[in-house]
């Protein structure tokens, strides 16, 4: 997938997908505005806020966040931790990555029978990281699965409503 080359030796790779009854143009606005202080993550906001992330998922398209560009920062937390936009193709692709190459989060929109197949891939490496970080990543993946599944359903709901 696009962006896979940014994490050369991943420790963890996950790929998730959902079919959406609407064209990529109806899905893209929700991808373009992902982020803390932007459109949110369309997942369980209450869980994210319980751990202090201050996430508020939008139920409308936010015009000010519709032109993501390489080099833009997408915040994941209010302390500034986030990912940089590495690649973007309007209505098709968004690749976010850590500057050190330790993580990518990729969103690909594929036209499918009048709708869209949304693919989301995470690639992490724990190489060279402290053992506590490695253990944390092992614990985070099950929670990330639950949160990302909800995010995919949240994007589908919003996009289908708009289509």
Protein backbone atom coordinates (compact mmCIF):
# COMPACT_ATOMS: atom_id res chain seq x y z
CA UNK A 1 0.00 0.00 0.00
CA UNK A 2 1.12 3.58 -0.39
CA UNK A 3 3.31 4.65 2.51
CA UNK A 4 4.44 1.13 3.41
CA UNK A 5 8.00 2.05 2.48
CA UNK A 6 8.09 4.68 5.27
CA UNK A 7 8.34 1.98 7.98
CA UNK A 8 10.89 -0.43 6.57
CA UNK A 9 10.84 -3.17 9.22
CA UNK A 10 7.47 -3.06 10.99
CA UNK A 11 6.91 -4.93 14.22
CA UNK A 12 3.16 -4.63 13.78
CA UNK A 13 1.02 -4.27 10.67
CA UNK A 14 -2.76 -4.07 10.75
CA UNK A 15 -5.08 -3.53 7.81
CA UNK A 16 -8.77 -2.87 8.29
CA UNK A 17 -11.48 -2.06 5.78
CA UNK A 18 -15.13 -1.15 5.37
CA UNK A 19 -17.46 -0.79 2.40
CA UNK A 20 -19.32 2.51 2.17
CA UNK A 21 -22.42 3.18 0.09
CA UNK A 22 -21.20 6.40 -1.44
CA UNK A 23 -18.47 7.58 -3.80
CA UNK A 24 -14.96 8.49 -2.61
CA UNK A 25 -15.95 12.17 -2.89
CA UNK A 26 -18.50 11.62 -0.08
CA UNK A 27 -15.96 9.79 2.12
CA UNK A 28 -12.94 12.04 1.60
CA UNK A 29 -14.09 15.08 3.64
CA UNK A 30 -14.24 12.93 6.78
CA UNK A 31 -10.71 11.61 6.18
CA UNK A 32 -9.34 15.06 5.30
CA UNK A 33 -10.43 16.53 8.64
CA UNK A 34 -9.24 13.73 10.94
CA UNK A 35 -7.42 14.85 14.06
CA UNK A 36 -7.56 16.33 17.52
CA UNK A 37 -8.74 19.93 17.35
CA UNK A 38 -10.12 19.17 13.88
CA UNK A 39 -12.86 16.67 12.97
CA UNK A 40 -11.93 14.14 15.65
CA UNK A 41 -11.73 10.43 15.00
CA UNK A 42 -15.43 9.41 14.83
CA UNK A 43 -14.83 6.73 17.45
CA UNK A 44 -15.58 6.52 21.17
CA UNK A 45 -14.91 10.14 22.11
CA UNK A 46 -15.74 9.43 25.75
CA UNK A 47 -12.90 6.90 25.99
CA UNK A 48 -10.44 9.25 24.29
CA UNK A 49 -11.51 12.06 26.60
CA UNK A 50 -11.25 9.82 29.66
CA UNK A 51 -7.50 9.62 28.98
CA UNK A 52 -7.23 13.36 28.33
CA UNK A 53 -7.14 13.50 24.52
CA UNK A 54 -9.87 16.18 24.21
CA UNK A 55 -11.46 14.64 21.11
CA UNK A 56 -14.74 15.93 19.71
CA UNK A 57 -15.87 14.13 16.56
CA UNK A 58 -17.61 16.38 14.05
CA UNK A 59 -20.94 15.53 12.48
CA UNK A 60 -20.45 18.03 9.69
CA UNK A 61 -17.77 18.76 7.13
CA UNK A 62 -15.38 21.43 8.39
CA UNK A 63 -14.40 23.56 5.40
CA UNK A 64 -11.23 24.83 7.07
CA UNK A 65 -9.78 21.28 7.19
CA UNK A 66 -10.48 20.13 3.63
CA UNK A 67 -7.10 20.85 2.04
CA UNK A 68 -4.56 18.63 3.80
CA UNK A 69 -1.06 18.99 2.38
CA UNK A 70 2.26 17.17 2.81
CA UNK A 71 4.06 18.52 5.86
CA UNK A 72 0.87 19.48 7.71
CA UNK A 73 0.64 18.12 11.24
CA UNK A 74 -2.37 16.10 12.38
CA UNK A 75 -2.57 16.23 16.17
CA UNK A 76 -3.51 13.07 18.02
CA UNK A 77 -3.41 14.66 21.47
CA UNK A 78 -3.61 18.20 22.87
CA UNK A 79 0.07 18.16 23.89
CA UNK A 80 1.06 18.39 20.23
CA UNK A 81 1.87 14.73 19.71
CA UNK A 82 0.78 13.84 16.22
CA UNK A 83 1.68 12.66 12.79
CA UNK A 84 2.81 14.53 9.70
CA UNK A 85 1.04 14.23 6.37
CA UNK A 86 3.48 12.34 4.17
CA UNK A 87 1.34 11.75 1.08
CA UNK A 88 -2.05 13.05 0.01
CA UNK A 89 -4.15 12.55 -3.10
CA UNK A 90 -7.50 14.31 -2.83
CA UNK A 91 -10.42 11.81 -2.75
CA UNK A 92 -8.01 8.86 -2.79
CA UNK A 93 -5.18 8.73 -0.27
CA UNK A 94 -3.88 10.10 3.03
CA UNK A 95 -0.65 8.81 4.60
CA UNK A 96 0.31 10.07 8.06
CA UNK A 97 3.67 9.30 9.61
CA UNK A 98 5.99 9.98 12.51
CA UNK A 99 9.02 12.07 11.57
CA UNK A 100 11.36 9.32 12.82
CA UNK A 101 9.72 6.68 10.61
CA UNK A 102 8.38 4.61 13.50
CA UNK A 103 4.69 4.71 12.55
CA UNK A 104 2.44 5.23 9.56
CA UNK A 105 -1.34 5.47 9.41
CA UNK A 106 -2.66 5.15 5.86
CA UNK A 107 -6.16 5.73 4.47
CA UNK A 108 -6.94 4.57 0.93
CA UNK A 109 -10.30 5.09 -0.81
CA UNK A 110 -11.00 2.60 -3.60
CA UNK A 111 -14.07 2.97 -5.85
CA UNK A 112 -16.16 -0.20 -5.57
CA UNK A 113 -19.47 -0.95 -7.34
CA UNK A 114 -20.79 2.60 -7.04
CA UNK A 115 -19.46 2.90 -3.50
CA UNK A 116 -16.11 3.05 -1.77
CA UNK A 117 -13.89 0.55 -0.03
CA UNK A 118 -12.00 2.38 2.72
CA UNK A 119 -8.73 0.67 3.68
CA UNK A 120 -6.82 1.71 6.79
CA UNK A 121 -3.33 0.42 7.51
CA UNK A 122 -1.09 0.92 10.54
CA UNK A 123 2.60 0.04 10.46
CA UNK A 124 4.63 0.36 13.66
CA UNK A 125 8.17 -0.48 14.53
CA UNK A 126 9.47 -0.91 18.04
CA UNK A 127 13.08 -1.40 16.88
CA UNK A 128 15.44 0.67 18.96
CA UNK A 129 12.69 1.68 21.38
CA UNK A 130 12.83 1.07 25.14
CA UNK A 131 11.25 -2.12 26.48
CA UNK A 132 8.41 -0.23 28.25
CA UNK A 133 7.43 1.26 24.87
CA UNK A 134 7.44 -2.18 23.27
CA UNK A 135 5.19 -3.54 26.02
CA UNK A 136 2.86 -0.57 25.68
CA UNK A 137 2.49 -1.19 21.94
CA UNK A 138 1.58 -4.83 22.59
CA UNK A 139 -1.17 -3.67 24.95
CA UNK A 140 -2.43 -0.89 22.69
CA UNK A 141 -3.20 -3.03 19.64
CA UNK A 142 -6.38 -4.68 21.03
CA UNK A 143 -7.70 -1.28 22.10
CA UNK A 144 -6.70 0.22 18.74
CA UNK A 145 -8.68 -2.52 16.98
CA UNK A 146 -11.86 -1.60 18.90
CA UNK A 147 -11.37 2.14 18.42
CA UNK A 148 -10.52 1.85 14.73
CA UNK A 149 -13.52 -0.39 14.01
CA UNK A 150 -15.75 2.27 15.59
CA UNK A 151 -13.94 4.97 13.57
CA UNK A 152 -14.61 3.09 10.32
CA UNK A 153 -18.30 2.75 11.19
CA UNK A 154 -18.42 6.44 12.16
CA UNK A 155 -16.92 7.48 8.82
CA UNK A 156 -19.33 5.19 6.96
CA UNK A 157 -22.34 6.62 8.80
CA UNK A 158 -21.32 10.22 8.06
CA UNK A 159 -20.39 9.57 4.43
CA UNK A 160 -23.56 7.62 3.65
CA UNK A 161 -25.67 10.35 5.22
CA UNK A 162 -23.96 12.90 2.95
CA UNK A 163 -24.01 10.76 -0.23
